[in-house]
Amino acid sequence: MIYLRRDPVDTCLSCYFQQFVPVMNFTLDLSDLAHYYREHQRLVAHWRSVLPPDTLLVVPYAELIADQETWTRRILDFLGLPWDERCSISTRLSDP
């Protein structure tokens, strides 16, 4: 499994400013969002503690954005897949 971890404030504010369907009304209240985010973190910590270490790869969103190629290589390695130059952002930016 790959877990993309984003800053809690960024995550909650992103949800808060989206217009989700009414059943997701917890996103309209910042204290509800904070509560659910803490529960989310608690569950992730639980699964990290009980699963074998090689089951879950934690990918920090900010680091992925700052160094996409390094993290893409780590993700592919974690999945047992080979590197492909088409995964590189510099390759995609130079394509016509």
Protein backbone atom coordinates (compact mmCIF):
# COMPACT_ATOMS: atom_id res chain seq x y z
CA MET A 1 0.00 0.00 0.00
CA ILE A 2 1.09 3.55 -0.66
CA TYR A 3 0.05 6.21 1.79
CA LEU A 4 0.38 9.77 0.57
CA ARG A 5 0.75 11.93 3.68
CA ARG A 6 -0.11 15.61 3.35
CA ASP A 7 0.15 18.43 5.88
CA PRO A 8 -2.93 18.29 8.17
CA VAL A 9 -3.76 21.98 7.73
CA ASP A 10 -3.48 21.73 3.95
CA THR A 11 -5.64 18.61 3.93
CA CYS A 12 -8.36 20.03 6.16
CA LEU A 13 -8.51 23.40 4.42
CA SER A 14 -8.63 21.70 1.04
CA CYS A 15 -11.65 19.68 2.19
CA TYR A 16 -13.24 22.73 3.82
CA PHE A 17 -13.19 24.78 0.63
CA GLN A 18 -14.51 21.99 -1.61
CA GLN A 19 -18.20 21.63 -2.32
CA PHE A 20 -18.71 17.97 -1.50
CA VAL A 21 -22.05 16.17 -1.62
CA PRO A 22 -24.33 16.86 1.39
CA VAL A 23 -23.58 13.50 3.01
CA MET A 24 -20.04 14.79 3.61
CA ASN A 25 -21.25 17.75 5.67
CA PHE A 26 -18.47 17.18 8.24
CA THR A 27 -16.22 19.02 5.77
CA LEU A 28 -18.14 22.23 6.49
CA ASP A 29 -16.91 22.43 10.08
CA LEU A 30 -13.22 22.88 10.86
CA SER A 31 -13.51 21.23 14.29
CA ASP A 32 -15.15 18.18 12.66
CA LEU A 33 -12.39 18.08 10.07
CA ALA A 34 -9.75 18.23 12.80
CA HIS A 35 -11.47 15.39 14.66
CA TYR A 36 -11.67 13.17 11.57
CA TYR A 37 -8.09 13.95 10.62
CA ARG A 38 -6.88 12.91 14.09
CA GLU A 39 -8.89 9.68 13.73
CA HIS A 40 -7.34 9.16 10.32
CA GLN A 41 -3.85 9.60 11.81
CA ARG A 42 -4.71 7.18 14.62
CA LEU A 43 -5.79 4.53 12.10
CA VAL A 44 -2.68 4.99 9.98
CA ALA A 45 -0.50 4.66 13.10
CA HIS A 46 -2.36 1.49 14.03
CA TRP A 47 -1.88 -0.10 10.61
CA ARG A 48 1.78 0.91 10.54
CA SER A 49 2.27 -0.79 13.90
CA VAL A 50 0.57 -4.08 13.02
CA LEU A 51 1.51 -4.57 9.36
CA PRO A 52 4.92 -5.84 8.26
CA PRO A 53 7.25 -2.90 7.56
CA ASP A 54 7.36 -3.56 3.81
CA THR A 55 3.56 -3.42 3.44
CA LEU A 56 3.05 0.33 3.61
CA LEU A 57 5.13 3.04 1.97
CA VAL A 58 4.58 6.52 3.42
CA VAL A 59 5.09 9.20 0.78
CA PRO A 60 5.22 12.78 2.10
CA TYR A 61 3.28 14.93 -0.38
CA ALA A 62 5.51 18.00 -0.01
CA GLU A 63 8.65 15.91 -0.63
CA LEU A 64 7.02 14.24 -3.64
CA ILE A 65 6.26 17.64 -5.13
CA ALA A 66 9.76 18.94 -4.35
CA ASP A 67 11.59 15.89 -5.72
CA GLN A 68 9.19 13.95 -7.92
CA GLU A 69 11.76 11.73 -9.59
CA THR A 70 13.36 10.47 -6.36
CA TRP A 71 9.97 9.63 -4.87
CA THR A 72 8.72 8.05 -8.09
CA ARG A 73 11.80 5.82 -8.07
CA ARG A 74 11.11 4.87 -4.42
CA ILE A 75 7.48 4.09 -5.21
CA LEU A 76 8.40 1.96 -8.22
CA ASP A 77 11.07 0.15 -6.21
CA PHE A 78 8.54 -0.47 -3.43
CA LEU A 79 6.14 -1.95 -6.00
CA GLY A 80 8.89 -4.03 -7.61
CA LEU A 81 8.62 -2.17 -10.91
CA PRO A 82 11.48 -0.93 -13.08
CA TRP A 83 12.20 2.73 -13.68
CA ASP A 84 10.95 4.11 -16.97
CA GLU A 85 12.13 7.47 -18.30
CA ARG A 86 8.51 8.38 -19.05
CA CYS A 87 8.04 8.66 -15.27
CA SER A 88 10.40 11.62 -15.13
CA ILE A 89 8.82 15.05 -15.06
CA SER A 90 11.79 16.47 -16.96
CA THR A 91 11.12 13.99 -19.77
CA ARG A 92 7.45 14.97 -19.88
CA LEU A 93 8.25 18.69 -19.87
CA SER A 94 10.57 18.32 -22.86
CA ASP A 95 7.96 16.40 -24.92
CA PRO A 96 6.26 18.44 -27.67
